[in-house]
């Protein structure tokens, strides 16, 4: 029986500068979040803020251990959104975004879970904020 060893090859990869460039990105992993995820989280927040309707506000944005979530508010109505861990659900952050109405900030249980993708995120949030 042969005894084998694994070799790790280190190489540098330039971190994307645009959110869309993260669609097929393989994120770093570890006990602390990597710089690639930090950049992604900033770009995702910027995307959300730039795609909100008039009088709609991003009131909370949390960066977790390789996932993000937050609350969007309009006229006292709230929508919660979340993306799964980007390391284990490769490329799903842009295809499967959880959205649901919420009664208050930190209402993580909310109502019925709905899912949308990055292209329909704006419309899904607007539709949910219109629900009384």
C-alpha atoms as a PDB file:
ATOM      1  CA  UNK A   1       0.000   0.000   0.000  1.00  0.00           C
ATOM      2  CA  UNK A   2       1.394   3.358  -1.050  1.00  0.00           C
ATOM      3  CA  UNK A   3       1.260   6.344   1.237  1.00  0.00           C
ATOM      4  CA  UNK A   4       0.284   9.545  -0.566  1.00  0.00           C
ATOM      5  CA  UNK A   5       0.571  13.202   0.283  1.00  0.00           C
ATOM      6  CA  UNK A   6      -1.294  16.197  -1.047  1.00  0.00           C
ATOM      7  CA  UNK A   7       0.398  19.282  -2.376  1.00  0.00           C
ATOM      8  CA  UNK A   8      -1.179  22.671  -2.297  1.00  0.00           C
ATOM      9  CA  UNK A   9      -0.269  25.007  -5.095  1.00  0.00           C
ATOM     10  CA  UNK A  10      -0.590  28.677  -4.205  1.00  0.00           C
ATOM     11  CA  UNK A  11      -1.423  31.187  -6.897  1.00  0.00           C
ATOM     12  CA  UNK A  12      -2.815  34.673  -7.056  1.00  0.00           C
ATOM     13  CA  UNK A  13      -6.106  35.533  -8.682  1.00  0.00           C
ATOM     14  CA  UNK A  14      -7.337  39.063  -9.196  1.00  0.00           C
ATOM     15  CA  UNK A  15     -10.543  39.723  -7.265  1.00  0.00           C
ATOM     16  CA  UNK A  16     -13.376  40.947  -9.516  1.00  0.00           C
ATOM     17  CA  UNK A  17     -14.273  44.632  -9.471  1.00  0.00           C
ATOM     18  CA  UNK A  18     -17.883  44.207 -10.635  1.00  0.00           C
ATOM     19  CA  UNK A  19     -20.691  42.227  -9.028  1.00  0.00           C
ATOM     20  CA  UNK A  20     -21.516  40.387 -12.250  1.00  0.00           C
ATOM     21  CA  UNK A  21     -17.950  39.023 -12.384  1.00  0.00           C
ATOM     22  CA  UNK A  22     -18.637  37.039  -9.167  1.00  0.00           C
ATOM     23  CA  UNK A  23     -21.284  34.842 -10.880  1.00  0.00           C
ATOM     24  CA  UNK A  24     -18.827  31.974 -11.459  1.00  0.00           C
ATOM     25  CA  UNK A  25     -16.358  32.890  -8.724  1.00  0.00           C
ATOM     26  CA  UNK A  26     -15.071  30.259  -6.323  1.00  0.00           C
ATOM     27  CA  UNK A  27     -14.824  32.064  -2.997  1.00  0.00           C
ATOM     28  CA  UNK A  28     -12.012  31.582  -0.521  1.00  0.00           C
ATOM     29  CA  UNK A  29     -12.883  29.713   2.653  1.00  0.00           C
ATOM     30  CA  UNK A  30     -11.690  29.690   6.208  1.00  0.00           C
ATOM     31  CA  UNK A  31     -12.257  30.776   9.765  1.00  0.00           C
ATOM     32  CA  UNK A  32     -12.262  34.422   8.701  1.00  0.00           C
ATOM     33  CA  UNK A  33     -13.948  35.814   5.631  1.00  0.00           C
ATOM     34  CA  UNK A  34     -11.601  36.432   2.736  1.00  0.00           C
ATOM     35  CA  UNK A  35     -10.972  39.682   0.942  1.00  0.00           C
ATOM     36  CA  UNK A  36     -12.881  38.367  -2.073  1.00  0.00           C
ATOM     37  CA  UNK A  37     -16.056  38.051   0.011  1.00  0.00           C
ATOM     38  CA  UNK A  38     -15.507  41.486   1.572  1.00  0.00           C
ATOM     39  CA  UNK A  39     -15.394  43.002  -1.925  1.00  0.00           C
ATOM     40  CA  UNK A  40     -18.446  40.974  -2.986  1.00  0.00           C
ATOM     41  CA  UNK A  41     -20.444  42.110   0.072  1.00  0.00           C
ATOM     42  CA  UNK A  42     -19.666  45.786  -0.651  1.00  0.00           C
ATOM     43  CA  UNK A  43     -20.658  45.394  -4.315  1.00  0.00           C
ATOM     44  CA  UNK A  44     -23.865  43.531  -3.410  1.00  0.00           C
ATOM     45  CA  UNK A  45     -24.857  46.322  -1.007  1.00  0.00           C
ATOM     46  CA  UNK A  46     -24.132  48.920  -3.679  1.00  0.00           C
ATOM     47  CA  UNK A  47     -26.273  46.940  -6.141  1.00  0.00           C
ATOM     48  CA  UNK A  48     -29.210  46.826  -3.723  1.00  0.00           C
ATOM     49  CA  UNK A  49     -29.024  50.530  -2.904  1.00  0.00           C
ATOM     50  CA  UNK A  50     -28.805  51.526  -6.561  1.00  0.00           C
ATOM     51  CA  UNK A  51     -31.809  49.341  -7.488  1.00  0.00           C
ATOM     52  CA  UNK A  52     -34.307  50.596  -4.940  1.00  0.00           C
ATOM     53  CA  UNK A  53     -37.411  52.495  -5.952  1.00  0.00           C
ATOM     54  CA  UNK A  54     -38.059  56.049  -4.874  1.00  0.00           C
ATOM     55  CA  UNK A  55     -38.793  56.428  -1.141  1.00  0.00           C
ATOM     56  CA  UNK A  56     -37.393  52.934  -0.508  1.00  0.00           C
ATOM     57  CA  UNK A  57     -34.457  52.539   1.888  1.00  0.00           C
ATOM     58  CA  UNK A  58     -31.978  49.851   2.793  1.00  0.00           C
ATOM     59  CA  UNK A  59     -32.362  50.103   6.593  1.00  0.00           C
ATOM     60  CA  UNK A  60     -30.189  47.170   7.620  1.00  0.00           C
ATOM     61  CA  UNK A  61     -27.396  45.241   5.907  1.00  0.00           C
ATOM     62  CA  UNK A  62     -25.537  42.436   7.650  1.00  0.00           C
ATOM     63  CA  UNK A  63     -22.412  40.706   6.435  1.00  0.00           C
ATOM     64  CA  UNK A  64     -22.163  37.262   7.979  1.00  0.00           C
ATOM     65  CA  UNK A  65     -19.694  34.442   7.518  1.00  0.00           C
ATOM     66  CA  UNK A  66     -19.912  34.242   3.705  1.00  0.00           C
ATOM     67  CA  UNK A  67     -23.558  35.336   3.466  1.00  0.00           C
ATOM     68  CA  UNK A  68     -25.408  38.662   3.515  1.00  0.00           C
ATOM     69  CA  UNK A  69     -28.885  39.705   4.588  1.00  0.00           C
ATOM     70  CA  UNK A  70     -30.825  42.835   5.289  1.00  0.00           C
ATOM     71  CA  UNK A  71     -34.061  44.763   5.462  1.00  0.00           C
ATOM     72  CA  UNK A  72     -35.550  47.193   2.969  1.00  0.00           C
ATOM     73  CA  UNK A  73     -38.247  49.645   4.054  1.00  0.00           C
ATOM     74  CA  UNK A  74     -40.870  51.793   2.356  1.00  0.00           C
ATOM     75  CA  UNK A  75     -43.591  53.692   4.194  1.00  0.00           C
ATOM     76  CA  UNK A  76     -43.347  51.460   7.269  1.00  0.00           C
ATOM     77  CA  UNK A  77     -43.446  48.170   5.307  1.00  0.00           C
ATOM     78  CA  UNK A  78     -40.408  45.891   5.402  1.00  0.00           C
ATOM     79  CA  UNK A  79     -38.878  43.210   3.210  1.00  0.00           C
ATOM     80  CA  UNK A  80     -36.156  40.877   4.450  1.00  0.00           C
ATOM     81  CA  UNK A  81     -33.626  39.438   1.966  1.00  0.00           C
ATOM     82  CA  UNK A  82     -30.853  36.892   2.308  1.00  0.00           C
ATOM     83  CA  UNK A  83     -28.393  34.920   0.191  1.00  0.00           C
ATOM     84  CA  UNK A  84     -26.975  31.546   1.202  1.00  0.00           C
ATOM     85  CA  UNK A  85     -23.334  30.835   1.987  1.00  0.00           C
ATOM     86  CA  UNK A  86     -21.550  31.642  -1.289  1.00  0.00           C
ATOM     87  CA  UNK A  87     -18.861  28.994  -0.687  1.00  0.00           C
ATOM     88  CA  UNK A  88     -21.189  26.001  -0.603  1.00  0.00           C
ATOM     89  CA  UNK A  89     -23.868  27.165  -3.012  1.00  0.00           C
ATOM     90  CA  UNK A  90     -21.567  28.123  -5.873  1.00  0.00           C
ATOM     91  CA  UNK A  91     -23.152  30.752  -8.125  1.00  0.00           C
ATOM     92  CA  UNK A  92     -26.517  30.548  -6.367  1.00  0.00           C
ATOM     93  CA  UNK A  93     -26.264  34.030  -4.833  1.00  0.00           C
ATOM     94  CA  UNK A  94     -27.510  35.529  -8.109  1.00  0.00           C
ATOM     95  CA  UNK A  95     -30.082  32.814  -8.885  1.00  0.00           C
ATOM     96  CA  UNK A  96     -31.741  32.259  -5.506  1.00  0.00           C
ATOM     97  CA  UNK A  97     -32.277  35.272  -3.250  1.00  0.00           C
ATOM     98  CA  UNK A  98     -34.682  34.757  -0.368  1.00  0.00           C
ATOM     99  CA  UNK A  99     -37.177  37.609   0.053  1.00  0.00           C
ATOM    100  CA  UNK A 100     -40.162  37.894   2.379  1.00  0.00           C
ATOM    101  CA  UNK A 101     -42.169  40.534   4.143  1.00  0.00           C
ATOM    102  CA  UNK A 102     -41.302  41.317   7.748  1.00  0.00           C
ATOM    103  CA  UNK A 103     -43.170  42.982  10.600  1.00  0.00           C
ATOM    104  CA  UNK A 104     -40.132  44.710  12.117  1.00  0.00           C
ATOM    105  CA  UNK A 105     -36.362  44.903  11.713  1.00  0.00           C
ATOM    106  CA  UNK A 106     -34.835  41.667  13.018  1.00  0.00           C
ATOM    107  CA  UNK A 107     -38.003  39.735  12.107  1.00  0.00           C
ATOM    108  CA  UNK A 108     -36.058  36.843  10.590  1.00  0.00           C
ATOM    109  CA  UNK A 109     -39.018  34.452  10.558  1.00  0.00           C
ATOM    110  CA  UNK A 110     -41.307  36.796   8.649  1.00  0.00           C
ATOM    111  CA  UNK A 111     -44.037  35.471   6.424  1.00  0.00           C
ATOM    112  CA  UNK A 112     -43.982  33.153   3.410  1.00  0.00           C
ATOM    113  CA  UNK A 113     -40.557  32.562   1.877  1.00  0.00           C
ATOM    114  CA  UNK A 114     -40.278  33.720  -1.718  1.00  0.00           C
ATOM    115  CA  UNK A 115     -37.275  33.473  -3.984  1.00  0.00           C
ATOM    116  CA  UNK A 116     -36.051  35.651  -6.807  1.00  0.00           C
ATOM    117  CA  UNK A 117     -32.923  36.131  -8.876  1.00  0.00           C
ATOM    118  CA  UNK A 118     -30.657  39.137  -9.242  1.00  0.00           C
ATOM    119  CA  UNK A 119     -32.404  40.342 -12.407  1.00  0.00           C
ATOM    120  CA  UNK A 120     -35.863  40.311 -10.786  1.00  0.00           C
ATOM    121  CA  UNK A 121     -34.789  41.416  -7.291  1.00  0.00           C
ATOM    122  CA  UNK A 122     -35.971  45.017  -7.726  1.00  0.00           C
ATOM    123  CA  UNK A 123     -39.419  43.976  -8.995  1.00  0.00           C
ATOM    124  CA  UNK A 124     -39.836  41.331  -6.279  1.00  0.00           C
ATOM    125  CA  UNK A 125     -39.031  43.827  -3.515  1.00  0.00           C
ATOM    126  CA  UNK A 126     -41.408  46.417  -4.994  1.00  0.00           C
ATOM    127  CA  UNK A 127     -44.179  43.838  -5.237  1.00  0.00           C
ATOM    128  CA  UNK A 128     -43.696  42.729  -1.643  1.00  0.00           C
ATOM    129  CA  UNK A 129     -43.572  46.294  -0.337  1.00  0.00           C
ATOM    130  CA  UNK A 130     -46.917  46.919  -2.012  1.00  0.00           C
ATOM    131  CA  UNK A 131     -48.549  44.145   0.058  1.00  0.00           C
ATOM    132  CA  UNK A 132     -50.559  45.561   2.952  1.00  0.00           C
END
